[in-house]
Amino acid sequence: MLLVNAWAIQNDPQLWDEPDKFKPERFLGPEDERDRFKFFPFGAGRRRCPGEGLAVRVVPLATGSLIQCFDWERESEKMVDMSEGPGLSMPKARPLIAKYRPRPALMNLLSELQ
């Protein structure tokens, strides 16, 4: 039996520049077969995450729907604090608080459904 320590691979300073920092731009680049292991949180090989394909397709659709259907604004005009908090998933130190309200076109659609 072979066990792969994905956490150690993703946090190895010999492989990643500043592995403990949130830097999504490190994943940009050519998308050929050898680069697919950059998304190692989904696993690899026969035992890889069966929902990876669904997640890769649904997350952009859900995000786009939220952007399209609602008007968003920050709670205050202060700059957003992007500092990281403790934890493995790199949570924000201070959560972003935003206000949202349905756009008029969405309100018209919802009123027709009742």
PDB file of N, CA and C in Angstrom:
ATOM      1  N   MET A   1       0.849  -1.174   0.000  1.00  0.00           N
ATOM      2  CA  MET A   1       0.000   0.000   0.000  1.00  0.00           C
ATOM      3  C   MET A   1       0.895   1.237   0.000  1.00  0.00           C
ATOM      4  N   LEU A   2       0.546   2.186  -0.814  1.00  0.00           N
ATOM      5  CA  LEU A   2       1.303   3.425  -0.903  1.00  0.00           C
ATOM      6  C   LEU A   2       0.401   4.566  -0.462  1.00  0.00           C
ATOM      7  N   LEU A   3       0.844   5.320   0.539  1.00  0.00           N
ATOM      8  CA  LEU A   3       0.103   6.495   1.004  1.00  0.00           C
ATOM      9  C   LEU A   3       0.885   7.738   0.620  1.00  0.00           C
ATOM     10  N   VAL A   4       0.206   8.700   0.035  1.00  0.00           N
ATOM     11  CA  VAL A   4       0.843   9.945  -0.386  1.00  0.00           C
ATOM     12  C   VAL A   4       0.425  11.046   0.578  1.00  0.00           C
ATOM     13  N   ASN A   5       1.393  11.753   1.121  1.00  0.00           N
ATOM     14  CA  ASN A   5       1.120  12.846   2.038  1.00  0.00           C
ATOM     15  C   ASN A   5       0.941  14.130   1.215  1.00  0.00           C
ATOM     16  N   ALA A   6      -0.288  14.394   0.802  1.00  0.00           N
ATOM     17  CA  ALA A   6      -0.580  15.553  -0.045  1.00  0.00           C
ATOM     18  C   ALA A   6      -0.252  16.856   0.670  1.00  0.00           C
ATOM     19  N   TRP A   7      -0.496  16.915   1.974  1.00  0.00           N
ATOM     20  CA  TRP A   7      -0.207  18.148   2.722  1.00  0.00           C
ATOM     21  C   TRP A   7       1.271  18.479   2.652  1.00  0.00           C
ATOM     22  N   ALA A   8       2.132  17.470   2.830  1.00  0.00           N
ATOM     23  CA  ALA A   8       3.577  17.710   2.795  1.00  0.00           C
ATOM     24  C   ALA A   8       4.023  18.174   1.409  1.00  0.00           C
ATOM     25  N   ILE A   9       3.436  17.609   0.357  1.00  0.00           N
ATOM     26  CA  ILE A   9       3.797  18.010  -1.003  1.00  0.00           C
ATOM     27  C   ILE A   9       3.380  19.458  -1.254  1.00  0.00           C
ATOM     28  N   GLN A  10       2.193  19.822  -0.805  1.00  0.00           N
ATOM     29  CA  GLN A  10       1.685  21.167  -1.064  1.00  0.00           C
ATOM     30  C   GLN A  10       2.352  22.225  -0.205  1.00  0.00           C
ATOM     31  N   ASN A  11       3.017  21.816   0.851  1.00  0.00           N
ATOM     32  CA  ASN A  11       3.649  22.779   1.751  1.00  0.00           C
ATOM     33  C   ASN A  11       5.167  22.644   1.784  1.00  0.00           C
ATOM     34  N   ASP A  12       5.743  22.023   0.775  1.00  0.00           N
ATOM     35  CA  ASP A  12       7.189  21.831   0.697  1.00  0.00           C
ATOM     36  C   ASP A  12       7.848  23.089   0.141  1.00  0.00           C
ATOM     37  N   PRO A  13       8.685  23.796   0.940  1.00  0.00           N
ATOM     38  CA  PRO A  13       9.313  25.026   0.450  1.00  0.00           C
ATOM     39  C   PRO A  13      10.299  24.786  -0.694  1.00  0.00           C
ATOM     40  N   GLN A  14      10.736  23.539  -0.898  1.00  0.00           N
ATOM     41  CA  GLN A  14      11.617  23.252  -2.033  1.00  0.00           C
ATOM     42  C   GLN A  14      10.832  23.207  -3.342  1.00  0.00           C
ATOM     43  N   LEU A  15       9.531  22.959  -3.255  1.00  0.00           N
ATOM     44  CA  LEU A  15       8.698  22.896  -4.456  1.00  0.00           C
ATOM     45  C   LEU A  15       7.930  24.190  -4.708  1.00  0.00           C
ATOM     46  N   TRP A  16       7.561  24.893  -3.636  1.00  0.00           N
ATOM     47  CA  TRP A  16       6.703  26.068  -3.766  1.00  0.00           C
ATOM     48  C   TRP A  16       7.367  27.269  -3.113  1.00  0.00           C
ATOM     49  N   ASP A  17       7.335  28.388  -3.792  1.00  0.00           N
ATOM     50  CA  ASP A  17       7.801  29.644  -3.218  1.00  0.00           C
ATOM     51  C   ASP A  17       6.750  30.123  -2.226  1.00  0.00           C
ATOM     52  N   GLU A  18       7.111  30.283  -0.970  1.00  0.00           N
ATOM     53  CA  GLU A  18       6.196  30.692   0.109  1.00  0.00           C
ATOM     54  C   GLU A  18       4.939  29.801   0.123  1.00  0.00           C
ATOM     55  N   PRO A  19       5.076  28.524   0.466  1.00  0.00           N
ATOM     56  CA  PRO A  19       3.939  27.606   0.411  1.00  0.00           C
ATOM     57  C   PRO A  19       2.821  27.933   1.396  1.00  0.00           C
ATOM     58  N   ASP A  20       3.106  28.696   2.441  1.00  0.00           N
ATOM     59  CA  ASP A  20       2.067  29.012   3.429  1.00  0.00           C
ATOM     60  C   ASP A  20       1.287  30.271   3.087  1.00  0.00           C
ATOM     61  N   LYS A  21       1.593  30.911   1.968  1.00  0.00           N
ATOM     62  CA  LYS A  21       0.879  32.115   1.534  1.00  0.00           C
ATOM     63  C   LYS A  21      -0.165  31.766   0.489  1.00  0.00           C
ATOM     64  N   PHE A  22      -1.276  32.503   0.500  1.00  0.00           N
ATOM     65  CA  PHE A  22      -2.317  32.323  -0.501  1.00  0.00           C
ATOM     66  C   PHE A  22      -1.895  33.072  -1.763  1.00  0.00           C
ATOM     67  N   LYS A  23      -1.487  32.331  -2.777  1.00  0.00           N
ATOM     68  CA  LYS A  23      -1.022  32.914  -4.034  1.00  0.00           C
ATOM     69  C   LYS A  23      -1.628  32.127  -5.193  1.00  0.00           C
ATOM     70  N   PRO A  24      -2.882  32.395  -5.555  1.00  0.00           N
ATOM     71  CA  PRO A  24      -3.517  31.602  -6.619  1.00  0.00           C
ATOM     72  C   PRO A  24      -2.832  31.748  -7.969  1.00  0.00           C
ATOM     73  N   GLU A  25      -2.083  32.828  -8.193  1.00  0.00           N
ATOM     74  CA  GLU A  25      -1.422  33.006  -9.482  1.00  0.00           C
ATOM     75  C   GLU A  25      -0.367  31.934  -9.744  1.00  0.00           C
ATOM     76  N   ARG A  26       0.065  31.218  -8.708  1.00  0.00           N
ATOM     77  CA  ARG A  26       1.064  30.158  -8.911  1.00  0.00           C
ATOM     78  C   ARG A  26       0.502  29.020  -9.765  1.00  0.00           C
ATOM     79  N   PHE A  27      -0.813  28.926  -9.881  1.00  0.00           N
ATOM     80  CA  PHE A  27      -1.415  27.853 -10.655  1.00  0.00           C
ATOM     81  C   PHE A  27      -1.671  28.243 -12.108  1.00  0.00           C
ATOM     82  N   LEU A  28      -1.383  29.480 -12.477  1.00  0.00           N
ATOM     83  CA  LEU A  28      -1.569  29.898 -13.861  1.00  0.00           C
ATOM     84  C   LEU A  28      -0.426  29.374 -14.708  1.00  0.00           C
ATOM     85  N   GLY A  29      -0.705  29.021 -15.916  1.00  0.00           N
ATOM     86  CA  GLY A  29       0.342  28.532 -16.804  1.00  0.00           C
ATOM     87  C   GLY A  29      -0.213  27.560 -17.814  1.00  0.00           C
ATOM     88  N   PRO A  30       0.677  26.895 -18.552  1.00  0.00           N
ATOM     89  CA  PRO A  30       0.206  25.955 -19.585  1.00  0.00           C
ATOM     90  C   PRO A  30      -0.544  24.795 -18.963  1.00  0.00           C
ATOM     91  N   GLU A  31      -1.604  24.393 -19.628  1.00  0.00           N
ATOM     92  CA  GLU A  31      -2.443  23.307 -19.112  1.00  0.00           C
ATOM     93  C   GLU A  31      -2.188  22.032 -19.904  1.00  0.00           C
ATOM     94  N   ASP A  32      -1.036  21.444 -19.670  1.00  0.00           N
ATOM     95  CA  ASP A  32      -0.805  20.151 -20.307  1.00  0.00           C
ATOM     96  C   ASP A  32      -0.852  19.059 -19.242  1.00  0.00           C
ATOM     97  N   GLU A  33      -0.613  17.849 -19.642  1.00  0.00           N
ATOM     98  CA  GLU A  33      -0.815  16.690 -18.764  1.00  0.00           C
ATOM     99  C   GLU A  33       0.042  16.746 -17.499  1.00  0.00           C
ATOM    100  N   ARG A  34       1.276  17.210 -17.605  1.00  0.00           N
ATOM    101  CA  ARG A  34       2.140  17.193 -16.419  1.00  0.00           C
ATOM    102  C   ARG A  34       1.743  18.254 -15.393  1.00  0.00           C
ATOM    103  N   ASP A  35       1.022  19.291 -15.802  1.00  0.00           N
ATOM    104  CA  ASP A  35       0.640  20.361 -14.873  1.00  0.00           C
ATOM    105  C   ASP A  35      -0.629  20.039 -14.092  1.00  0.00           C
ATOM    106  N   ARG A  36      -1.312  18.958 -14.408  1.00  0.00           N
ATOM    107  CA  ARG A  36      -2.573  18.695 -13.722  1.00  0.00           C
ATOM    108  C   ARG A  36      -2.377  18.335 -12.263  1.00  0.00           C
ATOM    109  N   PHE A  37      -1.161  17.984 -11.846  1.00  0.00           N
ATOM    110  CA  PHE A  37      -0.919  17.662 -10.450  1.00  0.00           C
ATOM    111  C   PHE A  37      -0.794  18.916  -9.591  1.00  0.00           C
ATOM    112  N   LYS A  38      -0.883  20.092 -10.195  1.00  0.00           N
ATOM    113  CA  LYS A  38      -0.929  21.314  -9.397  1.00  0.00           C
ATOM    114  C   LYS A  38      -2.211  21.352  -8.567  1.00  0.00           C
ATOM    115  N   PHE A  39      -3.236  20.660  -9.015  1.00  0.00           N
ATOM    116  CA  PHE A  39      -4.502  20.623  -8.298  1.00  0.00           C
ATOM    117  C   PHE A  39      -4.561  19.372  -7.433  1.00  0.00           C
ATOM    118  N   PHE A  40      -3.515  19.109  -6.709  1.00  0.00           N
ATOM    119  CA  PHE A  40      -3.376  17.895  -5.927  1.00  0.00           C
ATOM    120  C   PHE A  40      -4.411  17.749  -4.812  1.00  0.00           C
ATOM    121  N   PRO A  41      -5.068  18.809  -4.336  1.00  0.00           N
ATOM    122  CA  PRO A  41      -6.094  18.600  -3.314  1.00  0.00           C
ATOM    123  C   PRO A  41      -7.192  17.646  -3.775  1.00  0.00           C
ATOM    124  N   PHE A  42      -7.395  17.507  -5.082  1.00  0.00           N
ATOM    125  CA  PHE A  42      -8.402  16.580  -5.588  1.00  0.00           C
ATOM    126  C   PHE A  42      -7.886  15.145  -5.612  1.00  0.00           C
ATOM    127  N   GLY A  43      -6.613  14.948  -5.320  1.00  0.00           N
ATOM    128  CA  GLY A  43      -6.038  13.610  -5.361  1.00  0.00           C
ATOM    129  C   GLY A  43      -5.575  13.283  -6.764  1.00  0.00           C
ATOM    130  N   ALA A  44      -5.107  12.053  -6.948  1.00  0.00           N
ATOM    131  CA  ALA A  44      -4.610  11.661  -8.264  1.00  0.00           C
ATOM    132  C   ALA A  44      -4.808  10.164  -8.452  1.00  0.00           C
ATOM    133  N   GLY A  45      -4.766   9.775  -9.687  1.00  0.00           N
ATOM    134  CA  GLY A  45      -4.845   8.359  -9.991  1.00  0.00           C
ATOM    135  C   GLY A  45      -6.235   7.789  -9.825  1.00  0.00           C
ATOM    136  N   ARG A  46      -6.292   6.510  -9.553  1.00  0.00           N
ATOM    137  CA  ARG A  46      -7.549   5.780  -9.463  1.00  0.00           C
ATOM    138  C   ARG A  46      -8.445   6.285  -8.347  1.00  0.00           C
ATOM    139  N   ARG A  47      -7.857   6.784  -7.296  1.00  0.00           N
ATOM    140  CA  ARG A  47      -8.619   7.197  -6.116  1.00  0.00           C
ATOM    141  C   ARG A  47      -8.901   8.698  -6.073  1.00  0.00           C
ATOM    142  N   ARG A  48      -8.784   9.366  -7.181  1.00  0.00           N
ATOM    143  CA  ARG A  48      -8.987  10.812  -7.185  1.00  0.00           C
ATOM    144  C   ARG A  48     -10.441  11.165  -6.876  1.00  0.00           C
ATOM    145  N   CYS A  49     -10.675  12.391  -6.561  1.00  0.00           N
ATOM    146  CA  CYS A  49     -12.004  12.854  -6.166  1.00  0.00           C
ATOM    147  C   CYS A  49     -12.991  12.656  -7.321  1.00  0.00           C
ATOM    148  N   PRO A  50     -14.068  11.914  -7.091  1.00  0.00           N
ATOM    149  CA  PRO A  50     -15.029  11.714  -8.170  1.00  0.00           C
ATOM    150  C   PRO A  50     -15.829  12.973  -8.500  1.00  0.00           C
ATOM    151  N   GLY A  51     -15.822  13.951  -7.610  1.00  0.00           N
ATOM    152  CA  GLY A  51     -16.580  15.169  -7.852  1.00  0.00           C
ATOM    153  C   GLY A  51     -15.768  16.303  -8.438  1.00  0.00           C
ATOM    154  N   GLU A  52     -14.499  16.061  -8.787  1.00  0.00           N
ATOM    155  CA  GLU A  52     -13.647  17.136  -9.307  1.00  0.00           C
ATOM    156  C   GLU A  52     -14.234  17.786 -10.551  1.00  0.00           C
ATOM    157  N   GLY A  53     -14.663  16.970 -11.512  1.00  0.00           N
ATOM    158  CA  GLY A  53     -15.217  17.523 -12.750  1.00  0.00           C
ATOM    159  C   GLY A  53     -16.450  18.371 -12.487  1.00  0.00           C
ATOM    160  N   LEU A  54     -17.310  17.882 -11.595  1.00  0.00           N
ATOM    161  CA  LEU A  54     -18.509  18.638 -11.233  1.00  0.00           C
ATOM    162  C   LEU A  54     -18.138  19.943 -10.545  1.00  0.00           C
ATOM    163  N   ALA A  55     -17.200  19.882  -9.604  1.00  0.00           N
ATOM    164  CA  ALA A  55     -16.793  21.084  -8.870  1.00  0.00           C
ATOM    165  C   ALA A  55     -16.190  22.132  -9.799  1.00  0.00           C
ATOM    166  N   VAL A  56     -15.349  21.690 -10.724  1.00  0.00           N
ATOM    167  CA  VAL A  56     -14.701  22.612 -11.651  1.00  0.00           C
ATOM    168  C   VAL A  56     -15.728  23.318 -12.542  1.00  0.00           C
ATOM    169  N   ARG A  57     -16.845  22.652 -12.824  1.00  0.00           N
ATOM    170  CA  ARG A  57     -17.873  23.263 -13.667  1.00  0.00           C
ATOM    171  C   ARG A  57     -18.902  24.064 -12.867  1.00  0.00           C
ATOM    172  N   VAL A  58     -19.254  23.607 -11.675  1.00  0.00           N
ATOM    173  CA  VAL A  58     -20.335  24.234 -10.910  1.00  0.00           C
ATOM    174  C   VAL A  58     -19.895  25.499 -10.186  1.00  0.00           C
ATOM    175  N   VAL A  59     -18.675  25.527  -9.648  1.00  0.00           N
ATOM    176  CA  VAL A  59     -18.236  26.700  -8.886  1.00  0.00           C
ATOM    177  C   VAL A  59     -18.263  27.974  -9.741  1.00  0.00           C
ATOM    178  N   PRO A  60     -17.738  27.977 -10.978  1.00  0.00           N
ATOM    179  CA  PRO A  60     -17.852  29.199 -11.787  1.00  0.00           C
ATOM    180  C   PRO A  60     -19.305  29.567 -12.104  1.00  0.00           C
ATOM    181  N   LEU A  61     -20.161  28.579 -12.332  1.00  0.00           N
ATOM    182  CA  LEU A  61     -21.569  28.874 -12.614  1.00  0.00           C
ATOM    183  C   LEU A  61     -22.264  29.485 -11.405  1.00  0.00           C
ATOM    184  N   ALA A  62     -22.003  28.927 -10.222  1.00  0.00           N
ATOM    185  CA  ALA A  62     -22.613  29.467  -9.007  1.00  0.00           C
ATOM    186  C   ALA A  62     -22.104  30.877  -8.730  1.00  0.00           C
ATOM    187  N   THR A  63     -20.807  31.084  -8.898  1.00  0.00           N
ATOM    188  CA  THR A  63     -20.235  32.425  -8.680  1.00  0.00           C
ATOM    189  C   THR A  63     -20.817  33.418  -9.675  1.00  0.00           C
ATOM    190  N   GLY A  64     -20.908  33.024 -10.935  1.00  0.00           N
ATOM    191  CA  GLY A  64     -21.489  33.906 -11.949  1.00  0.00           C
ATOM    192  C   GLY A  64     -22.941  34.238 -11.663  1.00  0.00           C
ATOM    193  N   SER A  65     -23.699  33.261 -11.174  1.00  0.00           N
ATOM    194  CA  SER A  65     -25.106  33.508 -10.828  1.00  0.00           C
ATOM    195  C   SER A  65     -25.228  34.504  -9.683  1.00  0.00           C
ATOM    196  N   LEU A  66     -24.373  34.371  -8.679  1.00  0.00           N
ATOM    197  CA  LEU A  66     -24.407  35.317  -7.561  1.00  0.00           C
ATOM    198  C   LEU A  66     -24.068  36.732  -8.020  1.00  0.00           C
ATOM    199  N   ILE A  67     -23.084  36.839  -8.915  1.00  0.00           N
ATOM    200  CA  ILE A  67     -22.692  38.163  -9.424  1.00  0.00           C
ATOM    201  C   ILE A  67     -23.800  38.744 -10.304  1.00  0.00           C
ATOM    202  N   GLN A  68     -24.414  37.906 -11.133  1.00  0.00           N
ATOM    203  CA  GLN A  68     -25.420  38.380 -12.079  1.00  0.00           C
ATOM    204  C   GLN A  68     -26.740  38.744 -11.403  1.00  0.00           C
ATOM    205  N   CYS A  69     -27.130  38.016 -10.387  1.00  0.00           N
ATOM    206  CA  CYS A  69     -28.470  38.173  -9.807  1.00  0.00           C
ATOM    207  C   CYS A  69     -28.546  39.160  -8.647  1.00  0.00           C
ATOM    208  N   PHE A  70     -27.409  39.562  -8.101  1.00  0.00           N
ATOM    209  CA  PHE A  70     -27.435  40.426  -6.929  1.00  0.00           C
ATOM    210  C   PHE A  70     -26.518  41.623  -7.112  1.00  0.00           C
ATOM    211  N   ASP A  71     -26.902  42.740  -6.499  1.00  0.00           N
ATOM    212  CA  ASP A  71     -26.027  43.908  -6.392  1.00  0.00           C
ATOM    213  C   ASP A  71     -25.267  43.760  -5.082  1.00  0.00           C
ATOM    214  N   TRP A  72     -23.958  43.941  -5.127  1.00  0.00           N
ATOM    215  CA  TRP A  72     -23.097  43.738  -3.965  1.00  0.00           C
ATOM    216  C   TRP A  72     -22.424  45.039  -3.567  1.00  0.00           C
ATOM    217  N   GLU A  73     -22.251  45.237  -2.268  1.00  0.00           N
ATOM    218  CA  GLU A  73     -21.458  46.368  -1.785  1.00  0.00           C
ATOM    219  C   GLU A  73     -20.822  46.007  -0.450  1.00  0.00           C
ATOM    220  N   ARG A  74     -19.685  46.619  -0.202  1.00  0.00           N
ATOM    221  CA  ARG A  74     -18.991  46.372   1.059  1.00  0.00           C
ATOM    222  C   ARG A  74     -19.734  47.049   2.192  1.00  0.00           C
ATOM    223  N   GLU A  75     -19.516  46.554   3.388  1.00  0.00           N
ATOM    224  CA  GLU A  75     -20.167  47.130   4.563  1.00  0.00           C
ATOM    225  C   GLU A  75     -19.637  48.539   4.835  1.00  0.00           C
ATOM    226  N   SER A  76     -18.357  48.758   4.572  1.00  0.00           N
ATOM    227  CA  SER A  76     -17.768  50.083   4.766  1.00  0.00           C
ATOM    228  C   SER A  76     -16.847  50.381   3.582  1.00  0.00           C
ATOM    229  N   GLU A  77     -16.353  51.588   3.530  1.00  0.00           N
ATOM    230  CA  GLU A  77     -15.473  51.982   2.430  1.00  0.00           C
ATOM    231  C   GLU A  77     -14.009  51.670   2.713  1.00  0.00           C
ATOM    232  N   LYS A  78     -13.713  51.082   3.884  1.00  0.00           N
ATOM    233  CA  LYS A  78     -12.334  50.726   4.200  1.00  0.00           C
ATOM    234  C   LYS A  78     -11.844  49.647   3.236  1.00  0.00           C
ATOM    235  N   MET A  79     -10.522  49.607   3.041  1.00  0.00           N
ATOM    236  CA  MET A  79      -9.921  48.579   2.200  1.00  0.00           C
ATOM    237  C   MET A  79     -10.170  47.207   2.818  1.00  0.00           C
ATOM    238  N   VAL A  80     -10.330  46.200   1.983  1.00  0.00           N
ATOM    239  CA  VAL A  80     -10.565  44.846   2.457  1.00  0.00           C
ATOM    240  C   VAL A  80      -9.265  44.281   3.016  1.00  0.00           C
ATOM    241  N   ASP A  81      -9.330  43.754   4.231  1.00  0.00           N
ATOM    242  CA  ASP A  81      -8.167  43.151   4.870  1.00  0.00           C
ATOM    243  C   ASP A  81      -7.980  41.752   4.310  1.00  0.00           C
ATOM    244  N   MET A  82      -6.884  41.523   3.584  1.00  0.00           N
ATOM    245  CA  MET A  82      -6.633  40.229   2.952  1.00  0.00           C
ATOM    246  C   MET A  82      -5.667  39.360   3.756  1.00  0.00           C
ATOM    247  N   SER A  83      -5.387  39.743   5.007  1.00  0.00           N
ATOM    248  CA  SER A  83      -4.455  38.937   5.801  1.00  0.00           C
ATOM    249  C   SER A  83      -5.076  37.589   6.132  1.00  0.00           C
ATOM    250  N   GLU A  84      -4.192  36.598   6.287  1.00  0.00           N
ATOM    251  CA  GLU A  84      -4.634  35.224   6.499  1.00  0.00           C
ATOM    252  C   GLU A  84      -4.711  34.899   7.978  1.00  0.00           C
ATOM    253  N   GLY A  85      -5.667  34.059   8.321  1.00  0.00           N
ATOM    254  CA  GLY A  85      -5.804  33.588   9.682  1.00  0.00           C
ATOM    255  C   GLY A  85      -5.174  32.214   9.833  1.00  0.00           C
ATOM    256  N   PRO A  86      -5.192  31.654  11.032  1.00  0.00           N
ATOM    257  CA  PRO A  86      -4.603  30.330  11.229  1.00  0.00           C
ATOM    258  C   PRO A  86      -5.501  29.235  10.655  1.00  0.00           C
ATOM    259  N   GLY A  87      -4.902  28.135  10.288  1.00  0.00           N
ATOM    260  CA  GLY A  87      -5.670  27.000   9.788  1.00  0.00           C
ATOM    261  C   GLY A  87      -5.102  26.455   8.506  1.00  0.00           C
ATOM    262  N   LEU A  88      -5.511  25.240   8.157  1.00  0.00           N
ATOM    263  CA  LEU A  88      -4.993  24.583   6.960  1.00  0.00           C
ATOM    264  C   LEU A  88      -5.580  25.141   5.681  1.00  0.00           C
ATOM    265  N   SER A  89      -6.827  25.637   5.726  1.00  0.00           N
ATOM    266  CA  SER A  89      -7.462  26.113   4.504  1.00  0.00           C
ATOM    267  C   SER A  89      -7.222  27.599   4.264  1.00  0.00           C
ATOM    268  N   MET A  90      -6.312  28.214   5.012  1.00  0.00           N
ATOM    269  CA  MET A  90      -5.945  29.624   4.880  1.00  0.00           C
ATOM    270  C   MET A  90      -7.148  30.557   4.945  1.00  0.00           C
ATOM    271  N   PRO A  91      -7.903  30.519   6.035  1.00  0.00           N
ATOM    272  CA  PRO A  91      -9.049  31.432   6.148  1.00  0.00           C
ATOM    273  C   PRO A  91      -8.573  32.872   6.322  1.00  0.00           C
ATOM    274  N   LYS A  92      -9.447  33.797   6.001  1.00  0.00           N
ATOM    275  CA  LYS A  92      -9.117  35.214   6.201  1.00  0.00           C
ATOM    276  C   LYS A  92      -9.106  35.519   7.695  1.00  0.00           C
ATOM    277  N   ALA A  93      -8.220  36.411   8.119  1.00  0.00           N
ATOM    278  CA  ALA A  93      -8.144  36.793   9.529  1.00  0.00           C
ATOM    279  C   ALA A  93      -9.425  37.524   9.939  1.00  0.00           C
ATOM    280  N   ARG A  94      -9.913  38.395   9.064  1.00  0.00           N
ATOM    281  CA  ARG A  94     -11.179  39.101   9.306  1.00  0.00           C
ATOM    282  C   ARG A  94     -12.094  38.813   8.119  1.00  0.00           C
ATOM    283  N   PRO A  95     -13.252  38.246   8.372  1.00  0.00           N
ATOM    284  CA  PRO A  95     -14.122  37.892   7.241  1.00  0.00           C
ATOM    285  C   PRO A  95     -14.612  39.122   6.494  1.00  0.00           C
ATOM    286  N   LEU A  96     -14.815  38.955   5.200  1.00  0.00           N
ATOM    287  CA  LEU A  96     -15.380  40.019   4.379  1.00  0.00           C
ATOM    288  C   LEU A  96     -16.880  40.056   4.627  1.00  0.00           C
ATOM    289  N   ILE A  97     -17.375  41.207   5.002  1.00  0.00           N
ATOM    290  CA  ILE A  97     -18.814  41.366   5.215  1.00  0.00           C
ATOM    291  C   ILE A  97     -19.339  42.236   4.082  1.00  0.00           C
ATOM    292  N   ALA A  98     -20.282  41.691   3.347  1.00  0.00           N
ATOM    293  CA  ALA A  98     -20.840  42.398   2.200  1.00  0.00           C
ATOM    294  C   ALA A  98     -22.358  42.403   2.294  1.00  0.00           C
ATOM    295  N   LYS A  99     -22.942  43.451   1.744  1.00  0.00           N
ATOM    296  CA  LYS A  99     -24.402  43.545   1.667  1.00  0.00           C
ATOM    297  C   LYS A  99     -24.806  43.190   0.241  1.00  0.00           C
ATOM    298  N   TYR A 100     -25.935  42.544   0.113  1.00  0.00           N
ATOM    299  CA  TYR A 100     -26.429  42.211  -1.214  1.00  0.00           C
ATOM    300  C   TYR A 100     -27.925  42.461  -1.259  1.00  0.00           C
ATOM    301  N   ARG A 101     -28.405  42.717  -2.469  1.00  0.00           N
ATOM    302  CA  ARG A 101     -29.847  42.830  -2.671  1.00  0.00           C
ATOM    303  C   ARG A 101     -30.136  42.347  -4.092  1.00  0.00           C
ATOM    304  N   PRO A 102     -31.278  41.723  -4.265  1.00  0.00           N
ATOM    305  CA  PRO A 102     -31.609  41.205  -5.601  1.00  0.00           C
ATOM    306  C   PRO A 102     -31.708  42.343  -6.609  1.00  0.00           C
ATOM    307  N   ARG A 103     -31.263  42.101  -7.803  1.00  0.00           N
ATOM    308  CA  ARG A 103     -31.385  43.098  -8.873  1.00  0.00           C
ATOM    309  C   ARG A 103     -32.839  43.170  -9.310  1.00  0.00           C
ATOM    310  N   PRO A 104     -33.270  44.306  -9.855  1.00  0.00           N
ATOM    311  CA  PRO A 104     -34.685  44.471 -10.244  1.00  0.00           C
ATOM    312  C   PRO A 104     -35.186  43.381 -11.190  1.00  0.00           C
ATOM    313  N   ALA A 105     -34.374  42.955 -12.134  1.00  0.00           N
ATOM    314  CA  ALA A 105     -34.811  41.914 -13.070  1.00  0.00           C
ATOM    315  C   ALA A 105     -35.106  40.607 -12.328  1.00  0.00           C
ATOM    316  N   LEU A 106     -34.329  40.321 -11.311  1.00  0.00           N
ATOM    317  CA  LEU A 106     -34.564  39.108 -10.522  1.00  0.00           C
ATOM    318  C   LEU A 106     -35.845  39.245  -9.712  1.00  0.00           C
ATOM    319  N   MET A 107     -36.103  40.432  -9.175  1.00  0.00           N
ATOM    320  CA  MET A 107     -37.333  40.655  -8.406  1.00  0.00           C
ATOM    321  C   MET A 107     -38.555  40.457  -9.296  1.00  0.00           C
ATOM    322  N   ASN A 108     -38.496  40.956 -10.539  1.00  0.00           N
ATOM    323  CA  ASN A 108     -39.609  40.759 -11.473  1.00  0.00           C
ATOM    324  C   ASN A 108     -39.833  39.272 -11.750  1.00  0.00           C
ATOM    325  N   LEU A 109     -38.754  38.555 -11.944  1.00  0.00           N
ATOM    326  CA  LEU A 109     -38.864  37.114 -12.203  1.00  0.00           C
ATOM    327  C   LEU A 109     -39.448  36.388 -11.004  1.00  0.00           C
ATOM    328  N   LEU A 110     -38.994  36.721  -9.810  1.00  0.00           N
ATOM    329  CA  LEU A 110     -39.500  36.059  -8.608  1.00  0.00           C
ATOM    330  C   LEU A 110     -40.970  36.384  -8.366  1.00  0.00           C
ATOM    331  N   SER A 111     -41.391  37.597  -8.670  1.00  0.00           N
ATOM    332  CA  SER A 111     -42.779  37.963  -8.463  1.00  0.00           C
ATOM    333  C   SER A 111     -43.696  37.217  -9.446  1.00  0.00           C
ATOM    334  N   GLU A 112     -43.194  36.869 -10.623  1.00  0.00           N
ATOM    335  CA  GLU A 112     -43.979  36.110 -11.598  1.00  0.00           C
ATOM    336  C   GLU A 112     -44.153  34.652 -11.172  1.00  0.00           C
ATOM    337  N   LEU A 113     -43.235  34.132 -10.370  1.00  0.00           N
ATOM    338  CA  LEU A 113     -43.295  32.738  -9.958  1.00  0.00           C
ATOM    339  C   LEU A 113     -44.315  32.487  -8.869  1.00  0.00           C
ATOM    340  N   GLN A 114     -44.736  33.507  -8.166  1.00  0.00           N
ATOM    341  CA  GLN A 114     -45.676  33.309  -7.048  1.00  0.00           C
ATOM    342  C   GLN A 114     -47.093  33.151  -7.502  1.00  0.00           C
TER     343      GLN A 114
END
